[in-house]
Structures are given as structure tokens and as C-alpha cells.
């Protein structure tokens, strides 16, 4: 298999539309590898949509039964590429707008989706892990919800995070945007399984096969009832802020310029 997501020999049906993702077939299990090391696995629009394509592919292919999403080296996914960079070979998905995002597809997938979180997991990467049926996490993984640092009122996190960890912990993680480790993620209930790093692949495969023991129709009903706990997701406010508010633009500029955004108060001299 080459780095562009093709099986060696040329199975075009496994092309995910970006060189930043690789699809690997392992019997009835498909592995989607987030593999853009030169940008620390930052997700381009085509990569976000490629993950959605991977979910659709597994659900449509009778030879496949489950999907495992994982990263490479010490990074799972840090979220979107804030520099707006594209990867050479990326499909043009600009006409799709926000429909590129894979989160709903992951959470509503008929085929089981497991996140094998191998390292740094933030922002959109964390949402992928949260929306998966099971997140199996390396004991080396770290987490963060950094959207507010960039001026983004993220609607999916605001709805989903309290359902996972409770309102008090969600306020803490969203408003402080602090980093936390795998042990705290497990204690909070954000993830359900933490394993030694070297056992991650085997543990993710075991989780996928455990879910596959349950019948697909009954499983989908249970997933639908569980997903109702997220309640209403206020995308209207989030999309308005991204298009109209000056804060996301200032947050992005500050990140790229490696400075504090203009809303951070000056610290008094000590």
C-alpha cells in the first residue's frame, strides 16, 4: 500500500482523496491511518472529508466490517490545519463547505468505528475519538480542547463534552483549554480504555471484534438512543461566528504569529 491510500497494485476504491491518509485492509477490518508527519498530522479539509469517505467505504464494502482510525508516531490528530495549507494531491472539496466534517458520519456509522489514539489528540482529532464507538487510548496520549483559544465557539464540543464528562468537567476543559493526560481522560469518562502504548494495535482490534459480536440492527438502535444524549447542536451560532465574528480570525492570526490574541489582558509586571 502506498501513502496515498491505495492498496499496492491499484485498488482505486480505497483512495481517500488525500495523501495524508492511508487505508489498510486487515481481513474484515479497515485501518485509516492519519499520516501527515511533516505537519504533525494536522487535518486539511480533504483529510477531514477523507475520514468521512473511509466511514462510507467500510459501510458499503461487503468485505469490510469495521473501521479503526489511528495516527502515526506520537500524534493521533491535533485538529484542522490552522495555516490553511493543503496537502499536494488533496482532492478539491471546497464546494462541500462544512459537509466535509466526519463527526456525524463516525457517530452514526452502521459499521463499528474504533479510535486507536496513539498520541496527541486535540480539537477535531478529539471529536473523532469521542464520536467513535470505542476509543482505545495509549498511555502516552495527551488531550486538549483548544477551540476557545482560537476564538471558536465549537458547537459539537459544547453539546458532546458534557454528555461524556458532565457539565463541571466540560466547563473546566472547554474554558481553560488545558492539556490533560490519558489517565485523567479515563477518570473523567472521556475515553473508556487505556492500554500500554505497545499494546494499542492489538487492543483496538480486540475492541472492534467485540463490537462485531453484537447484531447490527439492534446495535444501531442503541447507538441512536445514546446519541440523543447530545441534544441540540447549535451549529448556527458556530458557523455565524466563523463567518462574521472577528475573534476566530484574530485567534488564527495570533496562532500563526506565535503571540497572544488581543483579548488576553496584559499581565502586570512582577
Protein backbone atom coordinates (compact mmCIF):
# COMPACT_ATOMS: atom_id res chain seq x y z
CA UNK A 1 0.00 0.00 0.00
CA UNK A 2 1.33 3.43 -0.82
CA UNK A 3 0.99 6.61 1.20
CA UNK A 4 -1.85 7.93 -0.92
CA UNK A 5 -4.36 5.44 0.44
CA UNK A 6 -4.12 2.89 -2.40
CA UNK A 7 -3.60 -0.82 -1.93
CA UNK A 8 -0.38 -1.77 -3.71
CA UNK A 9 -1.39 -2.91 -7.17
CA UNK A 10 -4.01 -0.17 -7.52
CA UNK A 11 -7.38 -0.58 -5.83
CA UNK A 12 -8.82 2.84 -6.64
CA UNK A 13 -11.86 2.20 -4.45
CA UNK A 14 -9.57 2.63 -1.40
CA UNK A 15 -8.37 6.08 -2.46
CA UNK A 16 -9.46 8.56 0.24
CA UNK A 17 -8.72 11.64 -1.84
CA UNK A 18 -5.61 12.75 0.03
CA UNK A 19 -2.03 11.70 0.56
CA UNK A 20 -2.43 12.49 4.27
CA UNK A 21 -4.47 9.32 4.88
CA UNK A 22 -3.67 5.66 4.24
CA UNK A 23 -6.22 2.87 4.13
CA UNK A 24 -5.03 -0.58 5.20
CA UNK A 25 -7.11 -3.74 4.94
CA UNK A 26 -6.60 -6.31 7.69
CA UNK A 27 -9.14 -9.05 7.00
CA UNK A 28 -12.59 -7.58 7.69
CA UNK A 29 -11.05 -4.58 9.47
CA UNK A 30 -10.06 -1.38 7.67
CA UNK A 31 -7.43 0.87 9.25
CA UNK A 32 -7.47 4.56 8.40
CA UNK A 33 -4.03 5.94 9.23
CA UNK A 34 -3.71 9.70 9.67
CA UNK A 35 -0.24 10.13 8.21
CA UNK A 36 0.97 13.66 7.59
CA UNK A 37 4.13 13.79 9.72
CA UNK A 38 5.51 16.95 8.13
CA UNK A 39 2.53 18.86 9.60
CA UNK A 40 2.16 16.79 12.79
CA UNK A 41 -1.00 15.17 11.32
CA UNK A 42 -2.88 18.48 11.11
CA UNK A 43 -6.04 17.75 9.14
CA UNK A 44 -6.63 19.50 5.82
CA UNK A 45 -10.20 19.80 4.50
CA UNK A 46 -9.53 16.87 2.16
CA UNK A 47 -8.27 14.80 5.10
CA UNK A 48 -11.40 15.55 7.14
CA UNK A 49 -13.50 14.51 4.16
CA UNK A 50 -11.24 11.50 3.57
CA UNK A 51 -12.10 10.18 7.03
CA UNK A 52 -15.76 10.58 6.14
CA UNK A 53 -15.06 8.69 2.91
CA UNK A 54 -13.39 5.91 4.89
CA UNK A 55 -16.52 5.53 7.03
CA UNK A 56 -18.70 5.37 3.92
CA UNK A 57 -16.35 2.91 2.24
CA UNK A 58 -16.46 0.47 5.15
CA UNK A 59 -20.25 0.69 5.35
CA UNK A 60 -20.59 0.00 1.61
CA UNK A 61 -17.97 -2.73 1.16
CA UNK A 62 -19.26 -6.26 1.91
CA UNK A 63 -15.68 -7.40 2.51
CA UNK A 64 -15.24 -4.98 5.42
CA UNK A 65 -16.99 -4.97 8.79
CA UNK A 66 -15.33 -2.30 10.95
CA UNK A 67 -13.06 0.75 10.80
CA UNK A 68 -10.18 1.66 13.10
CA UNK A 69 -8.84 5.22 12.89
CA UNK A 70 -5.33 5.87 14.20
CA UNK A 71 -2.41 8.25 13.83
CA UNK A 72 1.31 7.89 13.27
CA UNK A 73 4.35 8.26 15.50
CA UNK A 74 3.40 10.32 18.59
CA UNK A 75 0.36 12.11 17.10
CA UNK A 76 -3.22 10.94 16.59
CA UNK A 77 -4.63 14.23 15.28
CA UNK A 78 -4.34 17.83 16.54
CA UNK A 79 -7.38 19.09 14.63
CA UNK A 80 -7.52 21.20 11.49
CA UNK A 81 -4.52 22.82 9.85
CA UNK A 82 -4.79 26.38 11.14
CA UNK A 83 -2.36 27.57 8.49
CA UNK A 84 -4.89 26.73 5.80
CA UNK A 85 -2.32 24.61 3.99
CA UNK A 86 -3.39 21.85 1.62
CA UNK A 87 -1.52 18.63 1.00
CA UNK A 88 -0.18 18.00 -2.54
CA UNK A 89 -2.61 15.58 -4.13
CA UNK A 90 -5.57 16.61 -1.99
CA UNK A 91 -8.95 16.43 -3.70
CA UNK A 92 -10.74 19.78 -4.09
CA UNK A 93 -13.54 19.69 -1.52
CA UNK A 94 -14.08 23.46 -1.26
CA UNK A 95 -17.59 23.23 -2.73
CA UNK A 96 -18.73 20.97 0.11
CA UNK A 97 -18.38 23.60 2.83
CA UNK A 98 -18.98 22.23 6.31
CA UNK A 99 -20.21 18.94 4.84
CA UNK A 100 -16.58 17.79 4.78
CA UNK A 101 -16.67 17.18 8.55
CA UNK A 102 -16.72 13.47 9.52
CA UNK A 103 -18.08 13.63 13.07
CA UNK A 104 -21.71 12.75 12.35
CA UNK A 105 -20.67 10.01 9.93
CA UNK A 106 -18.42 8.47 12.58
CA UNK A 107 -21.04 8.51 15.33
CA UNK A 108 -23.85 7.22 13.08
CA UNK A 109 -21.84 4.57 11.25
CA UNK A 110 -23.57 1.20 10.97
CA UNK A 111 -20.16 -0.48 10.89
CA UNK A 112 -18.28 -0.19 14.21
CA UNK A 113 -15.71 2.62 14.39
CA UNK A 114 -12.85 2.37 16.89
CA UNK A 115 -10.35 5.17 17.56
CA UNK A 116 -6.86 3.89 18.38
CA UNK A 117 -5.44 7.04 19.97
CA UNK A 118 -1.66 6.72 19.79
CA UNK A 119 -0.56 10.19 20.92
CA UNK A 120 -1.51 13.88 20.80
CA UNK A 121 -5.29 14.16 20.39
CA UNK A 122 -6.86 17.61 20.23
CA UNK A 123 -9.71 19.62 18.69
CA UNK A 124 -11.17 17.78 15.69
CA UNK A 125 -8.98 14.79 16.46
CA UNK A 126 -10.54 14.54 19.91
CA UNK A 127 -14.03 14.82 18.42
CA UNK A 128 -13.27 11.88 16.12
CA UNK A 129 -12.19 9.85 19.17
CA UNK A 130 -15.30 10.89 21.12
CA UNK A 131 -17.69 10.06 18.27
CA UNK A 132 -16.16 6.61 17.75
CA UNK A 133 -17.94 3.64 19.29
CA UNK A 134 -14.90 2.90 21.46
CA UNK A 135 -11.74 4.95 21.97
CA UNK A 136 -8.77 2.76 22.88
CA UNK A 137 -6.02 5.04 24.13
CA UNK A 138 -2.26 4.68 24.54
CA UNK A 139 -0.98 5.52 28.00
CA UNK A 140 1.23 8.10 26.26
CA UNK A 141 -1.70 10.03 24.72
CA UNK A 142 -2.48 13.62 25.68
CA UNK A 143 -5.63 15.65 25.10
CA UNK A 144 -6.83 19.22 24.78
CA UNK A 145 -9.93 21.18 23.73
CA UNK A 146 -8.27 24.34 22.33
CA UNK A 147 -11.08 25.87 20.24
CA UNK A 148 -11.77 28.82 22.54
CA UNK A 149 -8.08 29.78 22.42
CA UNK A 150 -8.69 30.44 18.72
CA UNK A 151 -11.99 32.30 19.26
CA UNK A 152 -14.18 29.41 18.04
CA UNK A 153 -17.43 28.62 19.95
CA UNK A 154 -17.41 24.96 18.95
CA UNK A 155 -20.97 23.60 18.92
CA UNK A 156 -20.09 19.91 18.79
CA UNK A 157 -17.88 20.10 21.87
CA UNK A 158 -20.45 22.22 23.73
CA UNK A 159 -23.07 19.51 23.14
CA UNK A 160 -20.97 16.35 23.32
CA UNK A 161 -18.43 17.03 26.05
CA UNK A 162 -20.96 17.43 28.92
CA UNK A 163 -22.64 14.20 27.79
CA UNK A 164 -19.30 12.41 28.20
CA UNK A 165 -17.80 14.00 31.32
CA UNK A 166 -20.55 16.09 33.00
CA UNK A 167 -21.10 19.83 32.99
CA UNK A 168 -18.47 20.79 35.59
CA UNK A 169 -15.64 18.90 33.90
CA UNK A 170 -16.79 20.11 30.47
CA UNK A 171 -16.65 23.73 31.67
CA UNK A 172 -13.14 23.14 33.01
CA UNK A 173 -11.81 21.56 29.80
CA UNK A 174 -13.55 23.97 27.40
CA UNK A 175 -12.93 27.24 29.24
CA UNK A 176 -9.36 26.56 30.41
CA UNK A 177 -8.27 24.73 27.23
CA UNK A 178 -5.68 22.95 29.37
CA UNK A 179 -3.83 19.79 28.42
CA UNK A 180 -4.55 16.53 30.25
CA UNK A 181 -3.22 13.00 30.05
CA UNK A 182 -4.71 9.58 29.33
CA UNK A 183 -5.19 8.75 32.99
CA UNK A 184 -7.30 11.86 33.56
CA UNK A 185 -9.25 11.25 30.34
CA UNK A 186 -10.11 7.78 31.63
CA UNK A 187 -11.02 9.08 35.11
CA UNK A 188 -13.32 11.74 33.62
CA UNK A 189 -15.05 9.21 31.38
CA UNK A 190 -13.91 10.88 28.16
CA UNK A 191 -12.45 7.56 27.00
CA UNK A 192 -13.13 4.02 28.18
CA UNK A 193 -9.88 2.09 27.65
CA UNK A 194 -6.24 2.98 28.29
CA UNK A 195 -3.57 0.42 27.42
CA UNK A 196 0.23 0.30 27.32
CA UNK A 197 1.41 2.01 24.15
CA UNK A 198 2.93 -1.12 22.64
CA UNK A 199 -0.39 -2.98 23.02
CA UNK A 200 -2.53 -0.37 21.25
CA UNK A 201 -2.97 -2.12 17.89
CA UNK A 202 -3.96 -5.45 19.43
CA UNK A 203 -6.31 -3.74 21.91
CA UNK A 204 -8.02 -1.76 19.13
CA UNK A 205 -8.51 -4.90 17.05
CA UNK A 206 -9.94 -6.69 20.08
CA UNK A 207 -12.40 -3.83 20.68
CA UNK A 208 -13.58 -3.90 17.07
CA UNK A 209 -14.16 -7.65 17.16
CA UNK A 210 -16.03 -7.34 20.49
CA UNK A 211 -18.46 -4.84 18.95
CA UNK A 212 -18.90 -7.09 15.92
CA UNK A 213 -20.35 -9.80 18.16
CA UNK A 214 -23.50 -7.66 18.52
CA UNK A 215 -26.20 -7.70 15.81
CA UNK A 216 -26.07 -4.63 13.53
CA UNK A 217 -29.75 -3.62 13.64
CA UNK A 218 -30.05 -3.75 17.44
CA UNK A 219 -26.67 -2.03 17.74
CA UNK A 220 -27.82 0.85 15.55
CA UNK A 221 -30.92 1.38 17.70
CA UNK A 222 -28.77 1.51 20.83
CA UNK A 223 -26.35 3.96 19.18
CA UNK A 224 -29.27 6.19 18.12
CA UNK A 225 -30.60 6.28 21.69
CA UNK A 226 -27.14 7.04 23.06
CA UNK A 227 -26.59 9.83 20.53
CA UNK A 228 -29.81 11.53 21.63
CA UNK A 229 -27.98 12.49 24.83
CA UNK A 230 -26.05 15.09 22.85
CA UNK A 231 -29.25 17.09 22.42
CA UNK A 232 -29.39 20.04 20.05
CA UNK A 233 -26.07 21.00 18.47
CA UNK A 234 -26.10 24.75 17.81
CA UNK A 235 -24.19 24.85 14.54
CA UNK A 236 -25.94 28.10 13.57
CA UNK A 237 -24.06 30.06 16.25
CA UNK A 238 -20.74 28.39 15.47
CA UNK A 239 -20.98 28.97 11.71
CA UNK A 240 -22.08 32.58 12.28
CA UNK A 241 -19.01 33.16 14.46
CA UNK A 242 -16.68 31.58 11.91
CA UNK A 243 -18.06 33.81 9.15
CA UNK A 244 -18.88 37.07 10.95
CA UNK A 245 -17.03 37.37 14.28
CA UNK A 246 -13.55 38.95 14.33
CA UNK A 247 -12.45 36.62 17.13
CA UNK A 248 -11.72 33.46 15.10
CA UNK A 249 -9.69 35.49 12.59
CA UNK A 250 -7.70 37.13 15.38
CA UNK A 251 -7.24 33.77 17.09
CA UNK A 252 -5.88 32.20 13.89
CA UNK A 253 -3.56 35.17 13.22
CA UNK A 254 -2.23 35.05 16.78
CA UNK A 255 -1.56 31.32 16.48
CA UNK A 256 0.34 31.76 13.21
CA UNK A 257 2.27 34.75 14.58
CA UNK A 258 3.03 32.92 17.84
CA UNK A 259 1.61 35.65 20.05
CA UNK A 260 -1.29 36.12 22.46
CA UNK A 261 -4.63 37.16 20.90
CA UNK A 262 -5.65 40.75 21.54
CA UNK A 263 -8.35 39.70 24.03
CA UNK A 264 -5.78 38.38 26.55
CA UNK A 265 -5.21 41.02 29.27
CA UNK A 266 -1.70 42.33 29.78
CA UNK A 267 -0.02 40.72 32.76
CA UNK A 268 1.19 43.16 35.43
CA UNK A 269 4.90 43.40 35.88
CA UNK A 270 6.29 41.41 38.82
